[in-house]
Protein backbone atom coordinates (compact mmCIF):
# COMPACT_ATOMS: atom_id res chain seq x y z
CA MET A 1 -85.28 -137.84 -103.14
CA LYS A 2 -84.15 -136.47 -99.79
CA ILE A 3 -81.32 -133.98 -99.97
CA GLY A 4 -79.65 -132.99 -96.73
CA TYR A 5 -78.08 -129.64 -95.91
CA ALA A 6 -75.67 -129.10 -93.03
CA ARG A 7 -73.86 -125.95 -91.94
CA VAL A 8 -71.38 -124.99 -89.27
CA SER A 9 -70.36 -121.41 -88.54
CA THR A 10 -66.61 -121.89 -88.29
CA ILE A 11 -64.03 -124.20 -89.79
CA GLU A 12 -63.18 -125.52 -86.31
CA GLN A 13 -66.72 -126.80 -85.76
CA ASN A 14 -67.54 -130.39 -86.70
CA LEU A 15 -70.27 -131.49 -89.12
CA ASP A 16 -70.38 -135.13 -87.94
CA LEU A 17 -73.47 -134.77 -85.72
CA GLN A 18 -75.47 -133.17 -88.53
CA ARG A 19 -74.20 -135.58 -91.20
CA ASP A 20 -75.06 -138.60 -89.05
CA ALA A 21 -78.59 -137.32 -88.39
CA LEU A 22 -79.16 -136.54 -92.08
CA GLN A 23 -77.91 -139.98 -93.16
CA LYS A 24 -80.15 -141.64 -90.58
CA ALA A 25 -83.09 -139.60 -91.97
CA GLY A 26 -82.48 -141.20 -95.39
CA CYS A 27 -80.76 -138.38 -97.27
CA GLU A 28 -79.21 -139.60 -100.51
CA LYS A 29 -77.05 -136.49 -100.87
CA ILE A 30 -75.72 -134.17 -98.18
CA LEU A 31 -74.38 -130.75 -99.01
CA VAL A 32 -72.43 -128.69 -96.51
CA ASP A 33 -71.25 -125.17 -95.86
CA LYS A 34 -68.70 -123.93 -93.38
CA ALA A 35 -69.85 -120.33 -93.09
CA SER A 36 -71.67 -118.08 -90.69
CA GLY A 37 -75.43 -117.95 -91.06
CA THR A 38 -75.07 -114.22 -91.73
CA VAL A 39 -73.11 -114.90 -94.92
CA ALA A 40 -75.50 -114.69 -97.85
CA ALA A 41 -73.36 -116.71 -100.30
CA ARG A 42 -73.46 -120.35 -99.28
CA PRO A 43 -72.29 -122.63 -102.11
CA GLY A 44 -73.62 -125.84 -100.54
CA LEU A 45 -77.10 -124.38 -100.16
CA GLU A 46 -77.02 -123.04 -103.73
CA LYS A 47 -76.03 -126.51 -104.98
CA ALA A 48 -78.95 -128.02 -103.03
CA LYS A 49 -81.26 -125.50 -104.68
CA GLU A 50 -80.02 -126.64 -108.11
CA LEU A 51 -80.48 -130.34 -107.30
CA LEU A 52 -83.96 -130.17 -105.75
CA ARG A 53 -86.89 -131.12 -107.97
CA ALA A 54 -90.64 -131.25 -107.41
CA GLY A 55 -91.43 -134.11 -105.04
CA ASP A 56 -88.03 -133.92 -103.30
CA THR A 57 -87.45 -132.99 -99.66
CA LEU A 58 -84.79 -130.67 -98.29
CA VAL A 59 -83.76 -131.99 -94.87
CA VAL A 60 -81.92 -129.93 -92.25
CA TRP A 61 -80.80 -130.92 -88.78
CA ARG A 62 -82.24 -127.70 -87.31
CA LEU A 63 -84.02 -124.76 -88.90
CA ASP A 64 -81.27 -122.34 -87.86
CA ARG A 65 -78.89 -124.23 -90.17
CA LEU A 66 -81.01 -123.13 -93.16
CA GLY A 67 -81.94 -119.52 -92.44
CA ARG A 68 -80.37 -116.49 -90.83
CA SER A 69 -83.68 -115.25 -89.42
CA LEU A 70 -87.30 -116.26 -89.21
CA GLN A 71 -88.02 -114.10 -92.25
CA ASP A 72 -85.23 -115.85 -94.14
CA LEU A 73 -86.67 -119.25 -93.19
CA ILE A 74 -90.13 -118.21 -94.35
CA THR A 75 -88.69 -117.02 -97.66
CA TRP A 76 -86.99 -120.39 -98.09
CA ALA A 77 -90.13 -122.31 -97.17
CA LEU A 78 -92.21 -120.32 -99.67
CA TYR A 79 -89.60 -120.86 -102.39
CA LEU A 80 -89.54 -124.61 -101.70
CA GLU A 81 -93.34 -124.78 -101.68
CA GLU A 82 -93.48 -123.01 -105.07
CA GLN A 83 -91.02 -125.61 -106.42
CA GLY A 84 -93.06 -128.50 -105.01
CA VAL A 85 -90.27 -129.37 -102.57
CA ALA A 86 -90.97 -130.27 -98.94
CA LEU A 87 -88.86 -129.02 -96.01
CA GLU A 88 -88.03 -131.27 -93.09
CA SER A 89 -86.29 -130.17 -89.91
CA LEU A 90 -85.18 -133.07 -87.74
CA ALA A 91 -84.71 -131.25 -84.41
CA GLU A 92 -87.99 -129.33 -84.55
CA ARG A 93 -89.84 -132.31 -86.10
CA ILE A 94 -91.33 -130.18 -88.87
CA ASP A 95 -92.16 -131.72 -92.23
CA THR A 96 -93.99 -129.46 -94.66
CA ALA A 97 -95.00 -132.52 -96.67
CA THR A 98 -97.62 -133.07 -93.94
CA SER A 99 -100.60 -130.86 -93.10
CA THR A 100 -99.38 -130.46 -89.51
CA GLY A 101 -95.91 -129.44 -90.69
CA LYS A 102 -97.34 -126.84 -93.06
CA LEU A 103 -99.57 -125.48 -90.28
CA THR A 104 -96.63 -125.24 -87.88
CA PHE A 105 -94.52 -123.40 -90.43
CA HIS A 106 -97.35 -120.99 -91.28
CA LEU A 107 -97.80 -120.31 -87.56
CA PHE A 108 -94.12 -119.36 -87.40
CA GLY A 109 -94.70 -116.98 -90.30
CA ALA A 110 -97.76 -115.44 -88.65
CA LEU A 111 -95.83 -114.95 -85.42
CA ALA A 112 -92.97 -113.27 -87.29
CA GLU A 113 -95.40 -110.89 -89.00
CA PHE A 114 -97.09 -110.19 -85.65
CA GLU A 115 -93.70 -109.32 -84.11
CA ARG A 116 -92.84 -106.96 -87.00
CA ASN A 117 -96.20 -105.21 -86.55
CA LEU A 118 -95.62 -104.86 -82.78
CA ILE A 119 -92.22 -103.31 -83.39
CA ARG A 120 -93.73 -100.88 -85.91
CA GLU A 121 -96.54 -99.93 -83.48
CA ARG A 122 -94.11 -99.39 -80.59
CA THR A 123 -91.90 -97.24 -82.78
CA GLN A 124 -94.84 -95.10 -83.92
CA ALA A 125 -96.10 -94.74 -80.32
CA GLY A 126 -92.63 -93.69 -79.14
CA LEU A 127 -92.35 -91.08 -81.89
CA ALA A 128 -95.84 -89.73 -81.10
CA ALA A 129 -94.98 -89.48 -77.39
CA ALA A 130 -91.75 -87.62 -78.19
CA ARG A 131 -93.62 -85.20 -80.47
CA ALA A 132 -96.22 -84.62 -77.74
CA ARG A 133 -93.36 -83.53 -75.46
CA GLY A 134 -92.15 -81.13 -78.14
CA ARG A 135 -89.26 -83.21 -79.40
CA LEU A 136 -89.04 -83.39 -83.14
CA GLY A 137 -87.32 -86.26 -84.85
CA GLY A 138 -84.62 -85.99 -87.40
CA ARG A 139 -81.15 -84.67 -87.46
CA PRO A 140 -80.27 -81.42 -85.68
CA LYS A 141 -79.50 -78.47 -87.95
CA ALA A 142 -75.82 -77.99 -88.72
CA LEU A 143 -76.09 -74.22 -88.19
CA ASP A 144 -78.29 -72.05 -86.01
CA GLY A 145 -80.68 -69.54 -87.62
CA ASP A 146 -78.20 -66.63 -87.74
CA LYS A 147 -75.46 -68.71 -89.33
CA GLN A 148 -77.94 -70.18 -91.83
CA ALA A 149 -78.96 -66.64 -92.82
CA LEU A 150 -75.29 -65.67 -93.21
CA ALA A 151 -74.61 -68.70 -95.41
CA VAL A 152 -77.62 -67.83 -97.61
CA GLN A 153 -76.51 -64.18 -97.78
CA LEU A 154 -72.97 -65.17 -98.85
CA TYR A 155 -74.45 -67.50 -101.48
CA ARG A 156 -76.70 -64.77 -102.89
CA GLU A 157 -73.91 -62.18 -102.96
CA LYS A 158 -71.96 -64.47 -105.30
CA LYS A 159 -68.62 -63.12 -104.09
CA LEU A 160 -67.44 -66.51 -102.82
CA THR A 161 -67.63 -69.93 -104.41
CA VAL A 162 -70.05 -72.50 -103.03
CA THR A 163 -67.08 -74.62 -101.97
CA LYS A 164 -65.53 -71.71 -100.07
CA ILE A 165 -68.84 -70.91 -98.29
CA CYS A 166 -69.26 -74.55 -97.31
CA THR A 167 -65.69 -74.77 -96.01
CA MET A 168 -66.07 -71.56 -93.99
CA MET A 169 -69.39 -72.63 -92.47
CA GLY A 170 -68.43 -76.29 -92.00
CA ILE A 171 -71.38 -77.62 -94.02
CA SER A 172 -71.85 -79.67 -97.17
CA LYS A 173 -73.09 -78.36 -100.52
CA PRO A 174 -76.48 -80.13 -100.19
CA THR A 175 -76.92 -78.53 -96.76
CA LEU A 176 -76.16 -75.07 -98.18
CA TYR A 177 -78.62 -75.60 -101.03
CA ALA A 178 -81.26 -76.78 -98.56
CA TYR A 179 -80.79 -73.57 -96.53
CA VAL A 180 -81.10 -71.48 -99.71
CA ARG A 181 -84.30 -73.31 -100.72
CA SER A 182 -85.86 -72.92 -97.28
CA ALA A 183 -85.01 -69.19 -97.34
CA GLY A 184 -87.01 -68.87 -100.54
CA GLY A 185 -84.42 -68.50 -103.21
CA GLY A 186 -82.39 -70.50 -105.63
């Protein structure tokens, strides 16, 4: 059985184009959502998931109607493959029931992984270059060295409460405790 899924981002948008294409493709049931692709809860898509059985095909007008990102699409495709359900996208002419369709979808997945690796490599290279110029990452210290020492001293003297010290110094309790630990005391 072919089950169609259509989605528009806003209530003002019209589903007719997608419905017509899905009917023409032979879908016996068409489920719809009127929600942004960024919304995780999509009742129509969840209903399609419940209805699909091994040997069925989930048909979408375009891949972007199904997933919010390439990674989301790949997750869907893997889920459908595990269930024995094919995925067909009419606009992109992808049908994972065919060898060519599976290859195309796996190429998309490989390209997405390649892009993630490039981003990771560029990030690491940028951090290394910044360190080479003497710039350390992370958040700047809330207090300079003298004020840190004063905060630790006040803590160790036990004349003021931790809350009072933190209020006076303009720092949080975890920050104060971190300064005390780094000064070698508890």
